[in-house]
Protein backbone atom coordinates (compact mmCIF):
# COMPACT_ATOMS: atom_id res chain seq x y z
CA MET A 1 212.36 -76.58 -13.78
CA LYS A 2 209.88 -78.05 -11.33
CA ASN A 3 206.42 -76.56 -11.07
CA GLN A 4 206.08 -74.15 -8.15
CA TYR A 5 203.30 -76.36 -6.79
CA TYR A 6 205.28 -79.60 -7.11
CA GLU A 7 205.65 -80.18 -3.36
CA ASP A 8 202.01 -79.30 -2.68
CA VAL A 9 200.68 -81.63 -5.38
CA CYS A 10 202.90 -84.53 -4.34
CA ARG A 11 201.99 -84.02 -0.69
CA PHE A 12 198.26 -84.04 -1.45
CA ILE A 13 198.38 -87.21 -3.54
CA ASP A 14 200.71 -89.01 -1.12
CA ASP A 15 198.60 -88.01 1.91
CA HIS A 16 195.55 -89.54 0.20
CA ARG A 17 197.12 -92.80 -0.98
CA ASP A 18 195.09 -95.03 1.33
CA GLU A 19 191.89 -93.16 0.55
CA ILE A 20 192.50 -93.41 -3.20
CA ILE A 21 193.08 -97.17 -2.97
CA GLU A 22 189.95 -97.60 -0.87
CA LYS A 23 187.87 -95.69 -3.44
CA TRP A 24 189.43 -97.75 -6.23
CA LYS A 25 188.51 -100.92 -4.33
CA GLN A 26 184.90 -99.84 -3.79
CA PHE A 27 184.48 -98.88 -7.44
CA VAL A 28 185.99 -102.07 -8.88
CA ASN A 29 183.91 -104.26 -6.56
CA LEU A 30 180.77 -102.75 -8.13
CA GLU A 31 180.95 -105.21 -11.01
CA GLY A 32 179.02 -104.57 -14.22
CA HIS A 33 179.23 -105.92 -17.77
CA TYR A 34 177.89 -103.46 -20.32
CA ASP A 35 174.79 -105.64 -20.86
CA GLU A 36 174.05 -105.69 -17.10
CA LYS A 37 172.25 -102.37 -16.92
CA GLU A 38 171.32 -102.50 -13.24
CA ASN A 39 174.83 -103.47 -12.17
CA VAL A 40 176.45 -100.69 -14.19
CA GLU A 41 173.91 -98.22 -12.83
CA LYS A 42 175.09 -99.07 -9.30
CA ALA A 43 178.64 -98.22 -10.31
CA GLN A 44 177.38 -95.04 -11.97
CA ALA A 45 175.47 -94.02 -8.83
CA TRP A 46 178.63 -94.54 -6.75
CA PHE A 47 180.77 -92.40 -9.06
CA ARG A 48 178.08 -89.75 -9.41
CA HIS A 49 177.98 -89.44 -5.63
CA GLU A 50 181.76 -89.03 -5.56
CA LEU A 51 181.58 -86.25 -8.17
CA GLU A 52 178.79 -84.46 -6.34
CA GLU A 53 180.65 -84.71 -3.02
CA THR A 54 183.55 -83.00 -4.80
CA GLY A 55 181.29 -80.15 -5.91
CA PHE A 56 180.25 -81.19 -9.43
CA ARG A 57 176.85 -80.56 -10.92
CA THR A 58 175.88 -83.85 -12.56
CA TRP A 59 173.28 -85.10 -15.00
CA THR A 60 172.68 -88.14 -17.22
CA VAL A 61 171.73 -88.70 -20.86
CA GLU A 62 170.15 -91.98 -21.98
CA SER A 63 172.18 -94.10 -24.41
CA ARG A 64 169.58 -96.77 -25.23
CA PRO A 65 166.81 -98.28 -23.07
CA ASP A 66 168.62 -101.54 -22.24
CA ARG A 67 171.97 -99.97 -21.37
CA CYS A 68 173.28 -97.61 -18.69
CA SER A 69 173.14 -93.90 -19.50
CA VAL A 70 176.00 -91.43 -19.92
CA LEU A 71 177.02 -89.52 -16.78
CA LEU A 72 178.15 -85.92 -17.15
CA GLY A 73 179.50 -83.56 -14.54
CA ILE A 74 180.94 -80.06 -14.41
CA LEU A 75 182.75 -78.18 -11.67
CA GLY A 76 183.38 -74.43 -11.73
CA GLU A 77 180.99 -73.48 -14.52
CA ASP A 78 181.59 -69.79 -13.86
CA ARG A 79 185.37 -70.00 -14.20
CA PRO A 80 186.77 -67.85 -17.02
CA GLY A 81 188.83 -70.43 -18.89
CA LYS A 82 187.86 -73.20 -21.27
CA PRO A 83 186.88 -76.53 -19.68
CA ILE A 84 189.36 -79.32 -19.15
CA LEU A 85 187.67 -82.61 -20.00
CA PHE A 86 188.09 -86.10 -18.58
CA GLY A 87 186.51 -88.99 -20.50
CA GLY A 88 185.90 -92.56 -19.47
CA HIS A 89 183.47 -95.44 -19.00
CA LEU A 90 181.98 -97.35 -16.06
CA ASP A 91 181.24 -100.71 -17.68
CA THR A 92 183.51 -103.71 -18.17
CA VAL A 93 183.65 -106.75 -20.45
CA HIS A 94 183.43 -109.04 -17.40
CA PRO A 95 179.97 -110.33 -16.40
CA LYS A 96 179.38 -110.15 -12.66
CA GLY A 97 180.94 -113.14 -10.94
CA SER A 98 183.61 -113.75 -13.59
CA PHE A 99 186.34 -113.52 -10.97
CA GLY A 100 184.80 -116.28 -8.85
CA LYS A 101 184.23 -114.37 -5.62
CA GLU A 102 182.56 -111.34 -4.14
CA ASN A 103 184.64 -108.20 -3.80
CA PRO A 104 187.38 -109.38 -6.17
CA PHE A 105 189.64 -106.29 -5.91
CA HIS A 106 192.98 -107.12 -4.32
CA ILE A 107 196.61 -106.01 -4.43
CA GLU A 108 199.61 -108.31 -4.73
CA ASP A 109 203.23 -107.30 -5.24
CA GLY A 110 202.36 -103.76 -6.26
CA LYS A 111 199.65 -104.82 -8.73
CA ALA A 112 195.91 -104.30 -8.34
CA PHE A 113 193.56 -106.96 -9.71
CA GLY A 114 189.83 -107.06 -10.39
CA PRO A 115 187.19 -106.41 -13.07
CA GLY A 116 187.81 -103.01 -14.61
CA VAL A 117 190.72 -102.23 -12.30
CA LEU A 118 192.64 -101.21 -15.43
CA ASP A 119 189.89 -100.80 -18.02
CA MET A 120 189.02 -98.34 -16.73
CA LYS A 121 187.84 -97.61 -13.23
CA GLY A 122 191.37 -96.84 -12.09
CA GLY A 123 191.58 -93.99 -14.57
CA LEU A 124 188.33 -92.47 -13.36
CA VAL A 125 189.45 -92.57 -9.74
CA MET A 126 192.69 -90.90 -10.83
CA ALA A 127 190.77 -88.12 -12.59
CA LEU A 128 188.63 -87.62 -9.47
CA TYR A 129 191.70 -87.10 -7.32
CA ILE A 130 193.36 -84.84 -9.89
CA THR A 131 190.31 -82.65 -9.43
CA LYS A 132 190.60 -82.84 -5.65
CA ALA A 133 194.30 -81.97 -5.82
CA LEU A 134 193.49 -78.90 -7.92
CA GLN A 135 190.80 -77.89 -5.44
CA SER A 136 193.30 -78.13 -2.58
CA LEU A 137 195.29 -75.41 -4.39
CA ASN A 138 192.18 -73.25 -4.93
CA PHE A 139 192.43 -73.75 -8.68
CA ASP A 140 189.80 -71.51 -10.28
CA ARG A 141 190.99 -70.89 -13.84
CA ASN A 142 189.18 -73.61 -15.82
CA PRO A 143 186.00 -75.62 -15.34
CA ILE A 144 186.56 -79.37 -14.97
CA LYS A 145 184.20 -81.58 -16.95
CA PHE A 146 183.56 -85.34 -16.97
CA VAL A 147 181.85 -87.40 -19.69
CA VAL A 148 181.50 -91.01 -18.54
CA ALA A 149 179.77 -93.66 -20.66
CA GLY A 150 177.93 -96.68 -19.28
CA GLU A 151 178.22 -99.04 -22.26
CA GLU A 152 181.48 -98.23 -24.04
CA GLU A 153 182.52 -101.89 -24.21
CA GLY A 154 179.45 -102.49 -26.38
CA ASP A 155 180.92 -100.04 -28.92
CA HIS A 156 177.89 -97.71 -28.55
CA VAL A 157 176.12 -99.73 -31.24
CA GLY A 158 172.53 -98.50 -31.56
CA THR A 159 173.24 -95.23 -29.75
CA ASP A 160 174.32 -91.66 -30.47
CA VAL A 161 176.85 -91.55 -27.65
CA ASP A 162 179.61 -90.73 -30.13
CA LEU A 163 177.72 -87.59 -31.14
CA LEU A 164 177.19 -86.70 -27.49
CA TYR A 165 180.91 -86.99 -26.79
CA THR A 166 181.71 -84.68 -29.69
CA GLU A 167 179.10 -82.12 -28.70
CA GLU A 168 180.12 -82.07 -25.03
CA SER A 169 183.80 -81.74 -26.00
CA LYS A 170 183.35 -78.64 -28.13
CA GLY A 171 185.14 -75.60 -26.77
CA ALA A 172 187.27 -77.53 -24.28
CA LEU A 173 190.87 -76.48 -23.72
CA CYS A 174 191.97 -80.12 -23.89
CA ALA A 175 190.88 -83.61 -22.92
CA PHE A 176 192.31 -86.66 -21.20
CA ASN A 177 190.61 -89.97 -21.92
CA MET A 178 191.41 -92.04 -18.84
CA GLU A 179 191.56 -95.36 -20.67
CA THR A 180 194.00 -98.20 -19.96
CA GLY A 181 197.54 -96.89 -19.57
CA HIS A 182 199.91 -98.81 -21.82
CA ILE A 183 202.43 -101.03 -20.05
CA THR A 184 205.30 -99.16 -21.78
CA ASN A 185 204.20 -95.91 -20.07
CA SER A 186 203.18 -94.55 -23.48
CA LEU A 187 200.35 -92.11 -24.08
CA CYS A 188 198.10 -92.91 -27.02
CA VAL A 189 198.05 -90.34 -29.84
CA GLY A 190 196.10 -92.45 -32.36
CA ARG A 191 193.59 -95.31 -32.49
CA LYS A 192 191.78 -97.28 -35.12
CA THR A 193 188.07 -97.75 -35.50
CA GLN A 194 186.35 -101.08 -36.09
CA TYR A 195 184.02 -102.47 -38.74
CA THR A 196 182.47 -105.93 -38.35
CA PHE A 197 181.11 -107.73 -41.41
CA PHE A 198 178.55 -110.49 -40.80
CA ALA A 199 177.87 -112.79 -43.77
CA THR A 200 175.41 -115.63 -44.37
CA VAL A 201 176.16 -117.88 -47.35
CA HIS A 202 173.36 -120.06 -48.75
CA GLY A 203 174.19 -123.13 -50.82
CA LYS A 204 172.73 -126.51 -51.62
CA GLY A 205 173.45 -129.51 -49.44
CA GLY A 206 174.01 -133.11 -50.40
CA HIS A 207 176.04 -136.25 -49.79
CA ALA A 208 179.75 -135.46 -49.96
CA GLY A 209 180.52 -138.63 -51.93
CA ASN A 210 177.47 -139.20 -54.13
CA GLU A 211 176.37 -135.63 -54.85
CA PHE A 212 179.64 -133.73 -55.03
CA THR A 213 178.77 -132.21 -58.41
CA LYS A 214 175.14 -131.51 -57.48
CA GLY A 215 175.72 -129.59 -54.28
CA HIS A 216 176.71 -125.96 -53.85
CA ASN A 217 179.15 -125.84 -50.94
CA ALA A 218 178.47 -122.80 -48.70
CA LEU A 219 181.63 -123.41 -46.71
CA THR A 220 183.81 -123.39 -49.81
CA GLU A 221 182.17 -120.14 -50.90
CA ALA A 222 182.84 -118.60 -47.48
CA VAL A 223 186.49 -119.65 -47.55
CA LEU A 224 186.99 -118.22 -51.03
CA LYS A 225 185.35 -114.94 -50.00
CA ILE A 226 187.52 -114.70 -46.90
CA ASN A 227 190.62 -115.34 -49.00
CA GLU A 228 189.69 -112.37 -51.21
CA MET A 229 188.87 -110.19 -48.21
CA LEU A 230 192.32 -110.80 -46.76
CA LYS A 231 193.81 -109.09 -49.81
CA SER A 232 192.55 -105.77 -48.38
CA ILE A 233 195.12 -105.89 -45.58
CA ASP A 234 197.51 -102.94 -45.80
CA LEU A 235 199.80 -102.81 -42.79
CA ASP A 236 201.53 -99.67 -44.08
CA LYS A 237 198.19 -97.88 -43.67
CA GLY A 238 197.30 -99.73 -40.48
CA THR A 239 194.47 -101.70 -42.10
CA THR A 240 193.89 -105.19 -40.72
CA VAL A 241 191.35 -107.86 -41.72
CA THR A 242 190.68 -110.66 -39.22
CA PRO A 243 188.22 -113.51 -39.88
CA SER A 244 186.97 -114.15 -36.37
CA VAL A 245 183.86 -116.38 -36.24
CA MET A 246 182.46 -119.15 -38.47
CA HIS A 247 179.48 -121.48 -38.05
CA CYS A 248 178.58 -124.15 -40.62
CA GLY A 249 178.13 -127.85 -41.28
CA LYS A 250 176.29 -130.54 -39.36
CA ASN A 251 178.37 -133.63 -40.04
CA THR A 252 181.59 -134.58 -41.80
CA THR A 253 179.99 -136.41 -44.76
CA SER A 254 177.68 -133.69 -46.02
CA ILE A 255 178.05 -130.63 -48.24
CA PRO A 256 177.21 -127.59 -46.05
CA ASP A 257 174.18 -125.69 -47.32
CA LEU A 258 174.65 -122.75 -44.92
CA CYS A 259 177.70 -120.94 -43.58
CA GLU A 260 177.81 -117.88 -41.35
CA PHE A 261 180.99 -115.96 -40.65
CA ALA A 262 182.23 -112.65 -39.29
CA VAL A 263 185.25 -110.54 -40.19
CA ASP A 264 186.80 -107.81 -38.03
CA VAL A 265 188.35 -104.84 -39.86
CA ARG A 266 190.44 -102.08 -38.24
CA ILE A 267 191.21 -98.84 -40.09
CA MET A 268 192.84 -95.51 -39.27
CA ASN A 269 190.72 -93.19 -41.41
CA GLN A 270 187.51 -92.94 -43.40
CA ALA A 271 189.21 -93.15 -46.78
CA GLU A 272 190.63 -96.56 -45.92
CA GLY A 273 187.27 -97.60 -44.55
CA GLN A 274 185.58 -96.71 -47.82
CA ARG A 275 188.18 -98.64 -49.81
CA VAL A 276 187.59 -101.76 -47.74
CA LYS A 277 183.80 -101.42 -47.82
CA ASP A 278 183.80 -101.11 -51.61
CA ALA A 279 186.06 -104.13 -52.00
CA PHE A 280 184.02 -106.27 -49.59
CA ASP A 281 180.74 -105.32 -51.24
CA GLU A 282 182.05 -106.59 -54.56
CA ILE A 283 183.28 -109.81 -52.92
CA MET A 284 180.00 -110.44 -51.13
CA ASN A 285 177.96 -109.95 -54.28
CA HIS A 286 180.12 -112.28 -56.39
CA SER A 287 179.55 -116.06 -56.33
CA TYR A 288 182.81 -118.00 -56.48
CA VAL A 289 180.90 -121.28 -56.18
CA PRO A 290 178.05 -121.26 -58.74
CA GLY A 291 174.64 -121.63 -57.13
CA THR A 292 175.53 -119.94 -53.85
CA THR A 293 174.15 -116.61 -52.67
CA THR A 294 175.31 -114.34 -49.86
CA GLU A 295 173.71 -111.70 -47.72
CA TYR A 296 175.72 -109.53 -45.35
CA THR A 297 175.48 -106.70 -42.87
CA LEU A 298 178.07 -104.21 -41.70
CA GLU A 299 178.16 -103.10 -38.08
CA PHE A 300 180.02 -99.87 -37.37
CA ALA A 301 181.59 -99.37 -33.97
CA LYS A 302 180.56 -95.94 -32.73
CA LEU A 303 184.12 -95.61 -31.41
CA LEU A 304 185.57 -93.41 -34.12
CA GLU A 305 189.06 -93.38 -35.58
CA PHE A 306 191.52 -91.15 -33.74
CA GLU A 307 194.25 -89.79 -36.02
CA PRO A 308 197.31 -87.91 -34.74
CA ASN A 309 197.45 -84.23 -35.66
CA GLU A 310 199.37 -81.13 -34.64
CA LYS A 311 197.08 -80.33 -31.70
CA ILE A 312 197.21 -83.85 -30.32
CA LEU A 313 200.97 -84.13 -30.66
CA GLY A 314 201.35 -80.67 -29.13
CA LEU A 315 199.42 -81.76 -26.02
CA TYR A 316 201.52 -84.90 -25.83
CA GLU A 317 204.76 -82.88 -25.94
CA PHE A 318 203.43 -80.49 -23.28
CA VAL A 319 202.44 -83.28 -20.86
CA ASN A 320 205.68 -85.14 -21.49
CA LYS A 321 207.72 -82.00 -20.78
CA THR A 322 205.82 -81.58 -17.52
CA ALA A 323 206.73 -85.13 -16.54
CA VAL A 324 210.42 -84.68 -17.34
CA ASP A 325 210.69 -81.21 -15.79
CA ASN A 326 209.27 -82.56 -12.54
CA GLY A 327 211.55 -85.57 -12.31
CA PHE A 328 209.23 -88.29 -13.63
CA GLU A 329 210.02 -90.81 -16.34
CA PRO A 330 209.23 -89.51 -19.85
CA PHE A 331 206.21 -90.87 -21.66
CA GLY A 332 206.41 -92.73 -24.92
CA LYS A 333 203.75 -92.24 -27.56
CA ILE A 334 201.85 -95.00 -29.29
CA ILE A 335 199.14 -95.69 -31.87
CA LEU A 336 196.83 -98.55 -30.86
CA GLY A 337 194.55 -100.91 -32.74
CA GLY A 338 191.78 -100.91 -30.16
CA ALA A 339 189.04 -98.30 -30.41
CA SER A 340 187.90 -95.83 -27.74
CA ASP A 341 185.81 -92.68 -27.27
CA THR A 342 188.85 -90.51 -27.97
CA GLY A 343 188.04 -90.34 -31.67
CA ALA A 344 184.66 -88.78 -30.93
CA ILE A 345 186.31 -86.26 -28.59
CA ALA A 346 188.88 -85.40 -31.27
CA ARG A 347 186.02 -84.67 -33.72
CA ALA A 348 185.41 -81.54 -31.63
CA ASP A 349 188.77 -80.25 -32.92
CA ILE A 350 190.40 -80.09 -29.51
CA PRO A 351 193.71 -81.60 -28.33
CA VAL A 352 193.15 -84.95 -26.62
CA LEU A 353 195.25 -87.84 -25.36
CA CYS A 354 194.17 -91.42 -24.73
CA SER A 355 195.46 -94.21 -22.48
CA CYS A 356 195.92 -91.67 -19.70
CA GLY A 357 194.75 -94.02 -16.95
CA VAL A 358 196.60 -96.41 -14.68
CA VAL A 359 199.27 -98.53 -16.36
CA GLY A 360 198.80 -102.26 -16.68
CA GLU A 361 198.17 -105.27 -18.88
CA PHE A 362 195.62 -107.86 -19.97
CA ASN A 363 192.48 -105.74 -20.14
CA HIS A 364 189.48 -107.73 -21.43
CA ASN A 365 190.87 -110.75 -19.58
CA ILE A 366 190.52 -112.01 -16.01
CA ARG A 367 194.31 -111.60 -15.70
CA GLU A 368 193.77 -107.82 -15.90
CA TYR A 369 195.99 -105.88 -13.52
CA ALA A 370 197.13 -102.31 -12.89
CA VAL A 371 200.44 -101.07 -11.52
CA VAL A 372 199.44 -99.39 -8.27
CA GLU A 373 202.21 -96.79 -8.25
CA SER A 374 201.14 -95.51 -11.68
CA MET A 375 197.91 -94.26 -10.08
CA PHE A 376 199.86 -91.80 -7.96
CA ASN A 377 202.62 -90.82 -10.39
CA ARG A 378 200.24 -90.06 -13.23
CA ALA A 379 197.84 -88.17 -10.97
CA LYS A 380 200.73 -85.90 -9.98
CA ILE A 381 201.90 -85.36 -13.57
CA TYR A 382 198.46 -84.47 -14.97
CA THR A 383 197.72 -82.17 -12.05
CA LEU A 384 200.99 -80.33 -12.60
CA ALA A 385 200.34 -80.16 -16.36
CA ILE A 386 196.91 -78.60 -15.81
CA LEU A 387 198.45 -76.05 -13.43
CA ASP A 388 200.97 -75.15 -16.17
CA MET A 389 198.34 -74.66 -18.88
CA LYS A 390 197.58 -71.18 -20.09
């Protein structure tokens, strides 16, 4: 059965199509890589103004001195219900100018292009207009809250933004993280977290022909370590190990005396993470080539693992039923390898879904695009779902 407000919600979103696209365009054209603090701050100022114009009280919390802060906003603080939370981020992986022209946002054949059009400024614009649609119906049951990071693509390394997300999510009725919508129209109910191991192997150089037995080959040691590290892959548990970067050697006739490499690890839970860390520590501290030594560091992404549970799957089923009942295509559900802030939100023990934003492909690439119609369809579905919540 369709929601009693179905016609009103659809009319509001459809009447504001041109306005929504114009806001999307303005936001995307405010380019800003996560390391470009001033550029991201311009995007933050734009979105903060939009929230305040909609009636939100806003404030910011510093992440780290060289990065953009976290923007928070709340509307309807005195409403009786628990807050409904929207999460997101303002930064992109694209340095300003990566698209080769000013104002790169454009639409072709029903697809929107530009830096962050999919990941994830489209999702934030959608959440803004969900709020506006609710206001048009005099919705006054639950506060609406936004938590919007300024350096998510930098994995929050060196910050406590993950802790802030968890703290600000406590007590919420539910949360929608407006990240990249999957091209299959699936909502994300689980994500991995990321560990990056950086290793430096020291050996002893020499002539490859005359001093083969005298040298201690750092490259050989690195290769043997990587081979052992790959044995920690467990696809049944979702654990992947990906050697990703290597630097060593100066010419083809010498034994390398130094080799640096990095390995990306993705895991679904802390127990798996501990298993991998223990195994890698043993590998790093063992010399497969006598005479070599290794030092390593482990960098933790502050984008925590997001494991499906009863609350999360319950929210998924509720939103999916809303879609079907109101004549929209059903959602699929998916577990993704990329990390996001959803894990930190889930730590607050509330139901949360990820990949709720506009649908598209090729995020983290200049081919990034979003399906324009998904902006409007999903805005309608989430608005109707919120209206149905008790």
